[in-house]
Amino acid sequence: KLFEDSHKDREPAYTVELATAALLSE
C-alpha cells in the first residue's frame, strides 16, 4: 500500500489544457 501510494504521488496529473499544450509543443 505504501509503495502504491508513493507511486501515485510521482505520476504527473495533467489537465486537458496542459496536455493539449504539451502535445502541440511537441
PDB file of all heavy atoms in Angstrom:
ATOM      1  N   LYS A   1       0.845  -1.200   0.000  1.00  0.00           N
ATOM      2  CA  LYS A   1       0.000   0.000   0.000  1.00  0.00           C
ATOM      3  C   LYS A   1       0.882   1.253   0.000  1.00  0.00           C
ATOM      4  O   LYS A   1       0.626   2.190  -0.756  1.00  0.00           O
ATOM      5  CB  LYS A   1      -0.917   0.002   1.225  1.00  0.00           C
ATOM      6  CG  LYS A   1      -1.744   1.240   1.384  1.00  0.00           C
ATOM      7  CD  LYS A   1      -3.114   1.060   0.811  1.00  0.00           C
ATOM      8  CE  LYS A   1      -4.007   2.213   1.180  1.00  0.00           C
ATOM      9  NZ  LYS A   1      -4.256   3.110   0.100  1.00  0.00           N
ATOM     10  N   LEU A   2       1.914   1.246   0.806  1.00  0.00           N
ATOM     11  CA  LEU A   2       2.842   2.378   0.858  1.00  0.00           C
ATOM     12  C   LEU A   2       3.522   2.576  -0.493  1.00  0.00           C
ATOM     13  O   LEU A   2       3.643   3.694  -0.982  1.00  0.00           O
ATOM     14  CB  LEU A   2       3.884   2.150   1.958  1.00  0.00           C
ATOM     15  CG  LEU A   2       4.929   3.242   2.148  1.00  0.00           C
ATOM     16  CD1 LEU A   2       4.255   4.538   2.603  1.00  0.00           C
ATOM     17  CD2 LEU A   2       5.968   2.812   3.160  1.00  0.00           C
ATOM     18  N   PHE A   3       3.941   1.486  -1.124  1.00  0.00           N
ATOM     19  CA  PHE A   3       4.577   1.554  -2.435  1.00  0.00           C
ATOM     20  C   PHE A   3       3.606   2.105  -3.476  1.00  0.00           C
ATOM     21  O   PHE A   3       3.956   2.972  -4.273  1.00  0.00           O
ATOM     22  CB  PHE A   3       5.077   0.170  -2.858  1.00  0.00           C
ATOM     23  CG  PHE A   3       5.685   0.157  -4.235  1.00  0.00           C
ATOM     24  CD1 PHE A   3       6.948   0.684  -4.449  1.00  0.00           C
ATOM     25  CD2 PHE A   3       4.981  -0.361  -5.311  1.00  0.00           C
ATOM     26  CE1 PHE A   3       7.513   0.692  -5.713  1.00  0.00           C
ATOM     27  CE2 PHE A   3       5.540  -0.357  -6.580  1.00  0.00           C
ATOM     28  CZ  PHE A   3       6.803   0.161  -6.779  1.00  0.00           C
ATOM     29  N   GLU A   4       2.362   1.624  -3.482  1.00  0.00           N
ATOM     30  CA  GLU A   4       1.357   2.101  -4.434  1.00  0.00           C
ATOM     31  C   GLU A   4       1.071   3.585  -4.231  1.00  0.00           C
ATOM     32  O   GLU A   4       0.959   4.333  -5.186  1.00  0.00           O
ATOM     33  CB  GLU A   4       0.064   1.290  -4.291  1.00  0.00           C
ATOM     34  CG  GLU A   4       0.175  -0.116  -4.822  1.00  0.00           C
ATOM     35  CD  GLU A   4      -1.057  -0.953  -4.517  1.00  0.00           C
ATOM     36  OE1 GLU A   4      -2.002  -0.431  -3.888  1.00  0.00           O
ATOM     37  OE2 GLU A   4      -1.058  -2.132  -4.897  1.00  0.00           O
ATOM     38  N   ASP A   5       0.949   3.999  -2.979  1.00  0.00           N
ATOM     39  CA  ASP A   5       0.671   5.406  -2.692  1.00  0.00           C
ATOM     40  C   ASP A   5       1.819   6.299  -3.141  1.00  0.00           C
ATOM     41  O   ASP A   5       1.597   7.370  -3.711  1.00  0.00           O
ATOM     42  CB  ASP A   5       0.394   5.619  -1.204  1.00  0.00           C
ATOM     43  CG  ASP A   5      -0.940   5.031  -0.764  1.00  0.00           C
ATOM     44  OD1 ASP A   5      -1.768   4.729  -1.651  1.00  0.00           O
ATOM     45  OD2 ASP A   5      -1.147   4.876   0.452  1.00  0.00           O
ATOM     46  N   SER A   6       3.054   5.870  -2.907  1.00  0.00           N
ATOM     47  CA  SER A   6       4.192   6.702  -3.316  1.00  0.00           C
ATOM     48  C   SER A   6       4.304   6.731  -4.835  1.00  0.00           C
ATOM     49  O   SER A   6       4.701   7.735  -5.418  1.00  0.00           O
ATOM     50  CB  SER A   6       5.490   6.198  -2.703  1.00  0.00           C
ATOM     51  OG  SER A   6       5.867   4.959  -3.256  1.00  0.00           O
ATOM     52  N   HIS A   7       3.928   5.648  -5.497  1.00  0.00           N
ATOM     53  CA  HIS A   7       3.954   5.611  -6.966  1.00  0.00           C
ATOM     54  C   HIS A   7       2.908   6.561  -7.541  1.00  0.00           C
ATOM     55  O   HIS A   7       3.161   7.269  -8.515  1.00  0.00           O
ATOM     56  CB  HIS A   7       3.718   4.183  -7.462  1.00  0.00           C
ATOM     57  CG  HIS A   7       3.746   4.058  -8.950  1.00  0.00           C
ATOM     58  ND1 HIS A   7       4.899   4.228  -9.681  1.00  0.00           N
ATOM     59  CD2 HIS A   7       2.763   3.815  -9.847  1.00  0.00           C
ATOM     60  CE1 HIS A   7       4.631   4.091 -10.961  1.00  0.00           C
ATOM     61  NE2 HIS A   7       3.337   3.829 -11.089  1.00  0.00           N
ATOM     62  N   LYS A   8       1.747   6.612  -6.937  1.00  0.00           N
ATOM     63  CA  LYS A   8       0.688   7.514  -7.400  1.00  0.00           C
ATOM     64  C   LYS A   8       1.121   8.968  -7.273  1.00  0.00           C
ATOM     65  O   LYS A   8       0.794   9.790  -8.103  1.00  0.00           O
ATOM     66  CB  LYS A   8      -0.598   7.296  -6.593  1.00  0.00           C
ATOM     67  CG  LYS A   8      -1.319   6.029  -6.943  1.00  0.00           C
ATOM     68  CD  LYS A   8      -2.559   5.885  -6.094  1.00  0.00           C
ATOM     69  CE  LYS A   8      -3.182   4.520  -6.274  1.00  0.00           C
ATOM     70  NZ  LYS A   8      -4.292   4.306  -5.349  1.00  0.00           N
ATOM     71  N   ASP A   9       1.847   9.282  -6.206  1.00  0.00           N
ATOM     72  CA  ASP A   9       2.293  10.657  -5.987  1.00  0.00           C
ATOM     73  C   ASP A   9       3.286  11.112  -7.049  1.00  0.00           C
ATOM     74  O   ASP A   9       3.368  12.288  -7.355  1.00  0.00           O
ATOM     75  CB  ASP A   9       2.943  10.800  -4.602  1.00  0.00           C
ATOM     76  CG  ASP A   9       1.932  10.646  -3.483  1.00  0.00           C
ATOM     77  OD1 ASP A   9       0.722  10.775  -3.751  1.00  0.00           O
ATOM     78  OD2 ASP A   9       2.358  10.385  -2.334  1.00  0.00           O
ATOM     79  N   ARG A  10       4.034  10.180  -7.625  1.00  0.00           N
ATOM     80  CA  ARG A  10       5.041  10.551  -8.602  1.00  0.00           C
ATOM     81  C   ARG A  10       4.466  10.725 -10.002  1.00  0.00           C
ATOM     82  O   ARG A  10       5.078  11.360 -10.834  1.00  0.00           O
ATOM     83  CB  ARG A  10       6.161   9.505  -8.640  1.00  0.00           C
ATOM     84  CG  ARG A  10       7.062   9.596  -7.443  1.00  0.00           C
ATOM     85  CD  ARG A  10       8.224   8.678  -7.563  1.00  0.00           C
ATOM     86  NE  ARG A  10       7.738   7.304  -7.422  1.00  0.00           N
ATOM     87  CZ  ARG A  10       8.256   6.253  -8.027  1.00  0.00           C
ATOM     88  NH1 ARG A  10       9.290   6.387  -8.801  1.00  0.00           N
ATOM     89  NH2 ARG A  10       7.775   5.051  -7.852  1.00  0.00           N
ATOM     90  N   GLU A  11       3.320  10.131 -10.282  1.00  0.00           N
ATOM     91  CA  GLU A  11       2.747  10.268 -11.621  1.00  0.00           C
ATOM     92  C   GLU A  11       2.187  11.674 -11.790  1.00  0.00           C
ATOM     93  O   GLU A  11       1.407  12.143 -10.970  1.00  0.00           O
ATOM     94  CB  GLU A  11       1.622   9.248 -11.829  1.00  0.00           C
ATOM     95  CG  GLU A  11       2.151   7.869 -12.089  1.00  0.00           C
ATOM     96  CD  GLU A  11       1.058   6.935 -12.541  1.00  0.00           C
ATOM     97  OE1 GLU A  11       0.133   7.406 -13.242  1.00  0.00           O
ATOM     98  OE2 GLU A  11       1.132   5.766 -12.200  1.00  0.00           O
ATOM     99  N   PRO A  12       2.596  12.351 -12.839  1.00  0.00           N
ATOM    100  CA  PRO A  12       2.080  13.704 -13.039  1.00  0.00           C
ATOM    101  C   PRO A  12       0.599  13.679 -13.413  1.00  0.00           C
ATOM    102  O   PRO A  12       0.158  12.805 -14.141  1.00  0.00           O
ATOM    103  CB  PRO A  12       2.920  14.240 -14.197  1.00  0.00           C
ATOM    104  CG  PRO A  12       3.422  13.028 -14.899  1.00  0.00           C
ATOM    105  CD  PRO A  12       3.515  11.940 -13.876  1.00  0.00           C
ATOM    106  N   ALA A  13      -0.123  14.601 -12.873  1.00  0.00           N
ATOM    107  CA  ALA A  13      -1.534  14.727 -13.213  1.00  0.00           C
ATOM    108  C   ALA A  13      -1.672  15.978 -14.073  1.00  0.00           C
ATOM    109  O   ALA A  13      -1.444  17.087 -13.608  1.00  0.00           O
ATOM    110  CB  ALA A  13      -2.368  14.853 -11.943  1.00  0.00           C
ATOM    111  N   TYR A  14      -1.994  15.775 -15.329  1.00  0.00           N
ATOM    112  CA  TYR A  14      -2.107  16.894 -16.261  1.00  0.00           C
ATOM    113  C   TYR A  14      -3.564  17.265 -16.464  1.00  0.00           C
ATOM    114  O   TYR A  14      -4.433  16.412 -16.488  1.00  0.00           O
ATOM    115  CB  TYR A  14      -1.500  16.519 -17.618  1.00  0.00           C
ATOM    116  CG  TYR A  14      -0.047  16.123 -17.553  1.00  0.00           C
ATOM    117  CD1 TYR A  14       0.344  14.820 -17.829  1.00  0.00           C
ATOM    118  CD2 TYR A  14       0.928  17.041 -17.208  1.00  0.00           C
ATOM    119  CE1 TYR A  14       1.684  14.448 -17.768  1.00  0.00           C
ATOM    120  CE2 TYR A  14       2.264  16.682 -17.137  1.00  0.00           C
ATOM    121  CZ  TYR A  14       2.626  15.387 -17.419  1.00  0.00           C
ATOM    122  OH  TYR A  14       3.944  15.034 -17.348  1.00  0.00           O
ATOM    123  N   THR A  15      -3.795  18.546 -16.652  1.00  0.00           N
ATOM    124  CA  THR A  15      -5.115  18.987 -17.046  1.00  0.00           C
ATOM    125  C   THR A  15      -5.235  18.790 -18.554  1.00  0.00           C
ATOM    126  O   THR A  15      -4.225  18.622 -19.250  1.00  0.00           O
ATOM    127  CB  THR A  15      -5.323  20.481 -16.722  1.00  0.00           C
ATOM    128  OG1 THR A  15      -4.381  21.248 -17.497  1.00  0.00           O
ATOM    129  CG2 THR A  15      -5.146  20.766 -15.238  1.00  0.00           C
ATOM    130  N   VAL A  16      -6.442  18.837 -19.060  1.00  0.00           N
ATOM    131  CA  VAL A  16      -6.648  18.728 -20.502  1.00  0.00           C
ATOM    132  C   VAL A  16      -5.917  19.862 -21.206  1.00  0.00           C
ATOM    133  O   VAL A  16      -5.282  19.660 -22.247  1.00  0.00           O
ATOM    134  CB  VAL A  16      -8.158  18.756 -20.846  1.00  0.00           C
ATOM    135  CG1 VAL A  16      -8.378  18.832 -22.343  1.00  0.00           C
ATOM    136  CG2 VAL A  16      -8.862  17.538 -20.263  1.00  0.00           C
ATOM    137  N   GLU A  17      -5.968  21.043 -20.619  1.00  0.00           N
ATOM    138  CA  GLU A  17      -5.322  22.206 -21.223  1.00  0.00           C
ATOM    139  C   GLU A  17      -3.810  22.031 -21.309  1.00  0.00           C
ATOM    140  O   GLU A  17      -3.204  22.302 -22.351  1.00  0.00           O
ATOM    141  CB  GLU A  17      -5.667  23.483 -20.436  1.00  0.00           C
ATOM    142  CG  GLU A  17      -7.116  23.876 -20.479  1.00  0.00           C
ATOM    143  CD  GLU A  17      -8.013  23.137 -19.492  1.00  0.00           C
ATOM    144  OE1 GLU A  17      -7.503  22.361 -18.654  1.00  0.00           O
ATOM    145  OE2 GLU A  17      -9.238  23.329 -19.569  1.00  0.00           O
ATOM    146  N   LEU A  18      -3.198  21.578 -20.218  1.00  0.00           N
ATOM    147  CA  LEU A  18      -1.749  21.397 -20.211  1.00  0.00           C
ATOM    148  C   LEU A  18      -1.338  20.242 -21.128  1.00  0.00           C
ATOM    149  O   LEU A  18      -0.338  20.341 -21.843  1.00  0.00           O
ATOM    150  CB  LEU A  18      -1.230  21.172 -18.792  1.00  0.00           C
ATOM    151  CG  LEU A  18       0.287  21.033 -18.651  1.00  0.00           C
ATOM    152  CD1 LEU A  18       1.011  22.240 -19.249  1.00  0.00           C
ATOM    153  CD2 LEU A  18       0.670  20.835 -17.194  1.00  0.00           C
ATOM    154  N   ALA A  19      -2.106  19.174 -21.126  1.00  0.00           N
ATOM    155  CA  ALA A  19      -1.794  18.042 -22.011  1.00  0.00           C
ATOM    156  C   ALA A  19      -1.880  18.468 -23.471  1.00  0.00           C
ATOM    157  O   ALA A  19      -1.019  18.117 -24.283  1.00  0.00           O
ATOM    158  CB  ALA A  19      -2.741  16.876 -21.735  1.00  0.00           C
ATOM    159  N   THR A  20      -2.885  19.250 -23.804  1.00  0.00           N
ATOM    160  CA  THR A  20      -3.030  19.754 -25.168  1.00  0.00           C
ATOM    161  C   THR A  20      -1.861  20.667 -25.532  1.00  0.00           C
ATOM    162  O   THR A  20      -1.279  20.548 -26.612  1.00  0.00           O
ATOM    163  CB  THR A  20      -4.368  20.507 -25.336  1.00  0.00           C
ATOM    164  OG1 THR A  20      -5.437  19.626 -24.989  1.00  0.00           O
ATOM    165  CG2 THR A  20      -4.558  21.009 -26.764  1.00  0.00           C
ATOM    166  N   ALA A  21      -1.513  21.571 -24.624  1.00  0.00           N
ATOM    167  CA  ALA A  21      -0.388  22.484 -24.863  1.00  0.00           C
ATOM    168  C   ALA A  21       0.905  21.698 -25.071  1.00  0.00           C
ATOM    169  O   ALA A  21       1.699  22.021 -25.960  1.00  0.00           O
ATOM    170  CB  ALA A  21      -0.237  23.455 -23.691  1.00  0.00           C
ATOM    171  N   ALA A  22       1.119  20.672 -24.290  1.00  0.00           N
ATOM    172  CA  ALA A  22       2.338  19.871 -24.415  1.00  0.00           C
ATOM    173  C   ALA A  22       2.377  19.133 -25.754  1.00  0.00           C
ATOM    174  O   ALA A  22       3.419  19.085 -26.412  1.00  0.00           O
ATOM    175  CB  ALA A  22       2.436  18.879 -23.258  1.00  0.00           C
ATOM    176  N   LEU A  23       1.248  18.568 -26.180  1.00  0.00           N
ATOM    177  CA  LEU A  23       1.210  17.864 -27.472  1.00  0.00           C
ATOM    178  C   LEU A  23       1.471  18.831 -28.624  1.00  0.00           C
ATOM    179  O   LEU A  23       2.227  18.520 -29.548  1.00  0.00           O
ATOM    180  CB  LEU A  23      -0.135  17.149 -27.658  1.00  0.00           C
ATOM    181  CG  LEU A  23      -0.354  15.928 -26.774  1.00  0.00           C
ATOM    182  CD1 LEU A  23      -1.784  15.422 -26.922  1.00  0.00           C
ATOM    183  CD2 LEU A  23       0.636  14.829 -27.102  1.00  0.00           C
ATOM    184  N   LEU A  24       0.850  19.995 -28.576  1.00  0.00           N
ATOM    185  CA  LEU A  24       1.079  20.989 -29.632  1.00  0.00           C
ATOM    186  C   LEU A  24       2.536  21.440 -29.639  1.00  0.00           C
ATOM    187  O   LEU A  24       3.130  21.630 -30.701  1.00  0.00           O
ATOM    188  CB  LEU A  24       0.139  22.188 -29.453  1.00  0.00           C
ATOM    189  CG  LEU A  24      -1.363  21.914 -29.590  1.00  0.00           C
ATOM    190  CD1 LEU A  24      -2.160  23.186 -29.309  1.00  0.00           C
ATOM    191  CD2 LEU A  24      -1.719  21.347 -30.949  1.00  0.00           C
ATOM    192  N   SER A  25       3.108  21.570 -28.462  1.00  0.00           N
ATOM    193  CA  SER A  25       4.509  21.974 -28.357  1.00  0.00           C
ATOM    194  C   SER A  25       5.449  20.918 -28.939  1.00  0.00           C
ATOM    195  O   SER A  25       6.511  21.251 -29.474  1.00  0.00           O
ATOM    196  CB  SER A  25       4.870  22.238 -26.888  1.00  0.00           C
ATOM    197  OG  SER A  25       6.202  22.604 -26.765  1.00  0.00           O
ATOM    198  N   GLU A  26       5.057  19.660 -28.850  1.00  0.00           N
ATOM    199  CA  GLU A  26       5.872  18.581 -29.424  1.00  0.00           C
ATOM    200  C   GLU A  26       6.132  18.824 -30.906  1.00  0.00           C
ATOM    201  O   GLU A  26       7.222  18.567 -31.408  1.00  0.00           O
ATOM    202  CB  GLU A  26       5.177  17.228 -29.251  1.00  0.00           C
ATOM    203  CG  GLU A  26       5.296  16.637 -27.884  1.00  0.00           C
ATOM    204  CD  GLU A  26       6.699  16.189 -27.531  1.00  0.00           C
ATOM    205  OE1 GLU A  26       7.428  15.671 -28.407  1.00  0.00           O
ATOM    206  OE2 GLU A  26       7.070  16.335 -26.354  1.00  0.00           O
TER     207      GLU A  26
END
